[in-house]
Amino acid sequence: MLKQLLSVFLESRCPFCQRTTPETLCSYCLQKLFSHQLNEYDRPSLEHDLSIFAWGKYEGQLKRAIALMKYNNQPELGSLLGQLLGEAWLDSGLVKSAQKVSVIPIPLHSQKLKDRGFNQAEIIAKSFCQSTGYSLNSKALIRVRNTKAMFDLSPEERTKNLQGAFRIGNKLPKYPVLLLDDIYTAGTTIKELTKVLQRNKIKVIGAAVVAKTRIDD
């Protein structure tokens, strides 16, 4: 009886369906989340510049998980997504197991960080690095301008919006860089950050993201 009572108190509510669960998501909702995972044929190699490794398609439960994480103050979902991304990355064999990599999460502007309370990309990156054993570097890049939201901007407006928005921070990466973000849409942010790093002679091997809005690019 005591064990049953303790188990109730130790369990939390699944953020999707409110069932009690000892894990971040209940088994039913986790299975639905996995239904949006990309298969190996939808993922690129890292042979070309700015290759993007995505865990899943930005739809359904995966889209909802990212929204809950960012806008409903549930960073624990970011930890779960980072773990899933890290495990898929290792399974892909895209880099040799002994290769050293510096993982840099896409930085937030200080005002947005203050408003949200955390950088979702950094939460994901921490868990990703725990799974992969890579080195996390959250201070290599700084966002110096609080840019507009990019969903409704044209490609030209996106590029202009991000010009001069980032600079190198005070802790340069020791190893080739893998950029990490929650969502990949048009790649404007990844491209701009890559330019900043390459201007400082820092090698970028690509980017890893939880979700990609399109899988045909």
Protein backbone atom coordinates (compact mmCIF):
# COMPACT_ATOMS: atom_id res chain seq x y z
CA MET A 1 0.00 0.00 0.00
CA LEU A 2 2.82 2.41 0.93
CA LYS A 3 4.62 1.64 -2.33
CA GLN A 4 1.48 2.39 -4.31
CA LEU A 5 1.04 5.73 -2.55
CA LEU A 6 4.69 6.66 -3.09
CA SER A 7 4.50 5.75 -6.77
CA VAL A 8 1.57 8.15 -7.22
CA PHE A 9 3.50 11.01 -5.61
CA LEU A 10 6.68 10.23 -7.57
CA GLU A 11 4.91 10.16 -10.92
CA SER A 12 4.17 13.30 -12.91
CA ARG A 13 1.53 14.12 -15.50
CA CYS A 14 2.19 13.61 -19.19
CA PRO A 15 2.10 17.13 -20.68
CA PHE A 16 0.17 15.85 -23.70
CA CYS A 17 -2.62 13.74 -22.20
CA GLN A 18 -2.31 14.32 -18.42
CA ARG A 19 -1.94 10.61 -17.66
CA THR A 20 0.34 9.86 -14.72
CA THR A 21 3.75 8.67 -15.84
CA PRO A 22 7.17 8.05 -14.27
CA GLU A 23 8.79 9.43 -17.45
CA THR A 24 8.60 12.79 -19.21
CA LEU A 25 5.91 11.43 -21.58
CA CYS A 26 3.60 8.47 -21.13
CA SER A 27 4.30 5.47 -23.35
CA TYR A 28 1.29 6.20 -25.57
CA CYS A 29 2.33 9.81 -26.30
CA LEU A 30 5.98 8.83 -26.71
CA GLN A 31 4.92 6.34 -29.37
CA LYS A 32 2.97 9.08 -31.15
CA LEU A 33 6.04 11.31 -30.97
CA PHE A 34 8.15 8.59 -32.61
CA SER A 35 5.66 8.44 -35.50
CA HIS A 36 7.17 11.73 -36.72
CA GLN A 37 10.78 10.50 -36.67
CA LEU A 38 12.60 10.57 -40.01
CA ASN A 39 14.08 7.37 -41.36
CA GLU A 40 17.71 7.08 -42.45
CA TYR A 41 16.85 7.67 -46.12
CA ASP A 42 15.48 11.15 -45.33
CA ARG A 43 18.69 12.21 -43.60
CA PRO A 44 21.78 13.66 -45.33
CA SER A 45 25.41 12.72 -44.98
CA LEU A 46 27.80 15.41 -43.78
CA GLU A 47 29.79 15.44 -47.01
CA HIS A 48 28.43 18.80 -48.15
CA ASP A 49 28.57 22.21 -46.51
CA LEU A 50 25.73 22.99 -44.14
CA SER A 51 24.25 19.51 -44.07
CA ILE A 52 21.34 19.29 -41.65
CA PHE A 53 20.67 16.25 -39.50
CA ALA A 54 17.05 16.30 -38.30
CA TRP A 55 15.39 13.88 -35.89
CA GLY A 56 11.85 14.34 -37.19
CA LYS A 57 9.29 16.21 -39.23
CA TYR A 58 7.87 19.41 -37.75
CA GLU A 59 4.30 18.21 -37.40
CA GLY A 60 1.83 16.60 -35.01
CA GLN A 61 3.09 15.63 -31.59
CA LEU A 62 6.64 16.73 -32.33
CA LYS A 63 5.49 20.23 -33.23
CA ARG A 64 3.36 20.26 -30.09
CA ALA A 65 6.27 19.11 -27.92
CA ILE A 66 8.45 21.96 -29.14
CA ALA A 67 5.66 24.50 -28.55
CA LEU A 68 4.99 23.20 -25.02
CA MET A 69 8.70 23.35 -24.24
CA LYS A 70 9.14 26.93 -25.43
CA TYR A 71 5.86 28.60 -24.55
CA ASN A 72 4.51 26.55 -21.62
CA ASN A 73 7.73 26.54 -19.60
CA GLN A 74 8.46 22.82 -19.92
CA PRO A 75 12.23 22.57 -20.48
CA GLU A 76 12.15 18.88 -19.48
CA LEU A 77 10.70 18.21 -22.94
CA GLY A 78 13.86 19.77 -24.37
CA SER A 79 15.96 17.29 -22.42
CA LEU A 80 13.93 14.40 -23.84
CA LEU A 81 14.20 15.75 -27.39
CA GLY A 82 17.95 16.23 -26.99
CA GLN A 83 18.32 12.65 -25.83
CA LEU A 84 16.34 11.34 -28.81
CA LEU A 85 18.37 13.50 -31.20
CA GLY A 86 21.64 12.31 -29.66
CA GLU A 87 20.69 8.64 -29.88
CA ALA A 88 19.62 9.00 -33.52
CA TRP A 89 22.85 10.84 -34.31
CA LEU A 90 24.96 8.04 -32.84
CA ASP A 91 22.92 5.41 -34.67
CA SER A 92 23.47 7.23 -37.96
CA GLY A 93 27.24 6.82 -37.85
CA LEU A 94 27.73 10.16 -39.61
CA VAL A 95 30.98 10.83 -37.77
CA LYS A 96 33.56 8.43 -36.41
CA SER A 97 32.97 7.55 -32.77
CA ALA A 98 36.40 8.87 -31.77
CA GLN A 99 35.95 12.23 -33.50
CA LYS A 100 35.81 15.21 -31.16
CA VAL A 101 33.04 17.73 -31.78
CA SER A 102 32.06 21.05 -30.20
CA VAL A 103 28.29 21.48 -30.03
CA ILE A 104 27.12 25.10 -30.15
CA PRO A 105 23.43 25.81 -29.47
CA ILE A 106 21.88 28.71 -31.38
CA PRO A 107 22.06 31.66 -28.97
CA LEU A 108 19.08 33.69 -27.79
CA HIS A 109 19.21 37.44 -27.30
CA SER A 110 19.52 38.37 -23.62
CA GLN A 111 16.04 39.93 -23.54
CA LYS A 112 14.36 36.86 -25.00
CA LEU A 113 16.36 34.66 -22.63
CA LYS A 114 15.12 36.77 -19.72
CA ASP A 115 11.50 36.56 -20.92
CA ARG A 116 11.52 32.78 -21.52
CA GLY A 117 13.82 31.82 -18.65
CA PHE A 118 15.91 29.40 -20.71
CA ASN A 119 17.37 28.86 -24.16
CA GLN A 120 15.58 25.84 -25.61
CA ALA A 121 18.49 25.10 -27.97
CA GLU A 122 20.87 24.97 -25.00
CA ILE A 123 18.57 22.61 -23.06
CA ILE A 124 18.44 20.30 -26.08
CA ALA A 125 22.20 20.59 -26.61
CA LYS A 126 23.02 19.63 -23.02
CA SER A 127 21.05 16.42 -23.31
CA PHE A 128 22.44 15.78 -26.80
CA CYS A 129 25.99 16.06 -25.44
CA GLN A 130 25.19 13.74 -22.54
CA SER A 131 24.09 11.13 -25.09
CA THR A 132 26.96 11.62 -27.53
CA GLY A 133 29.85 12.57 -25.24
CA TYR A 134 30.53 15.70 -27.29
CA SER A 135 31.73 18.99 -25.82
CA LEU A 136 29.07 21.65 -25.17
CA ASN A 137 30.06 25.26 -25.83
CA SER A 138 27.30 27.76 -25.07
CA LYS A 139 29.59 30.80 -25.05
CA ALA A 140 31.17 30.61 -28.48
CA LEU A 141 28.47 32.76 -30.10
CA ILE A 142 26.49 35.75 -28.85
CA ARG A 143 23.27 37.21 -30.25
CA VAL A 144 23.77 40.96 -30.07
CA ARG A 145 20.53 42.02 -31.78
CA ASN A 146 17.00 41.01 -30.80
CA THR A 147 15.76 40.08 -34.26
CA LYS A 148 12.19 39.78 -35.51
CA ALA A 149 10.36 36.45 -35.64
CA MET A 150 11.11 34.92 -39.03
CA PHE A 151 8.04 32.81 -39.88
CA ASP A 152 6.34 35.50 -41.99
CA LEU A 153 9.48 36.95 -43.60
CA SER A 154 10.61 36.38 -47.18
CA PRO A 155 14.06 34.82 -47.80
CA GLU A 156 15.52 38.27 -48.50
CA GLU A 157 13.93 39.71 -45.35
CA ARG A 158 15.25 36.78 -43.29
CA THR A 159 18.79 37.39 -44.49
CA LYS A 160 18.59 41.14 -43.81
CA ASN A 161 16.99 40.50 -40.40
CA LEU A 162 20.00 38.46 -39.25
CA GLN A 163 22.82 40.57 -40.66
CA GLY A 164 25.08 41.61 -37.80
CA ALA A 165 22.91 39.80 -35.26
CA PHE A 166 25.68 37.47 -34.02
CA ARG A 167 29.30 37.74 -33.00
CA ILE A 168 31.98 35.46 -31.63
CA GLY A 169 31.89 35.06 -27.86
CA ASN A 170 34.68 34.69 -25.33
CA LYS A 171 35.13 30.91 -25.52
CA LEU A 172 36.26 29.65 -28.90
CA PRO A 173 35.48 26.01 -29.69
CA LYS A 174 38.36 23.53 -29.51
CA TYR A 175 36.96 21.13 -32.10
CA PRO A 176 34.97 21.24 -35.37
CA VAL A 177 31.53 22.68 -34.69
CA LEU A 178 28.09 21.11 -34.89
CA LEU A 179 25.41 23.79 -34.56
CA LEU A 180 22.24 22.76 -32.75
CA ASP A 181 18.71 24.16 -32.83
CA ASP A 182 15.13 23.06 -32.23
CA ILE A 183 13.62 23.79 -35.68
CA TYR A 184 15.09 24.11 -39.17
CA THR A 185 12.97 26.09 -41.62
CA ALA A 186 14.92 27.89 -44.35
CA GLY A 187 18.39 27.63 -42.84
CA THR A 188 19.00 31.39 -42.70
CA THR A 189 20.17 31.36 -39.07
CA ILE A 190 22.44 28.35 -39.57
CA LYS A 191 24.01 29.96 -42.65
CA GLU A 192 24.60 33.28 -40.89
CA LEU A 193 26.21 31.59 -37.87
CA THR A 194 28.37 29.47 -40.14
CA LYS A 195 29.66 32.63 -41.83
CA VAL A 196 30.52 34.16 -38.45
CA LEU A 197 32.42 31.05 -37.37
CA GLN A 198 34.21 30.57 -40.70
CA ARG A 199 35.35 34.20 -40.72
CA ASN A 200 37.17 33.28 -37.53
CA LYS A 201 38.67 30.16 -39.17
CA ILE A 202 36.42 27.77 -37.21
CA LYS A 203 35.31 24.65 -39.07
CA VAL A 204 31.58 23.87 -39.15
CA ILE A 205 30.62 20.27 -39.99
CA GLY A 206 26.87 20.92 -40.13
CA ALA A 207 23.86 21.28 -37.87
CA ALA A 208 21.62 18.96 -35.87
CA VAL A 209 18.00 19.91 -35.23
CA VAL A 210 15.06 18.26 -33.54
CA ALA A 211 12.61 19.01 -36.36
CA LYS A 212 12.71 20.06 -39.98
CA THR A 213 9.76 21.76 -41.65
CA ARG A 214 10.58 20.22 -45.05
CA ILE A 215 12.52 17.06 -45.84
CA ASP A 216 13.11 17.74 -49.53
CA ASP A 217 15.92 20.28 -49.08
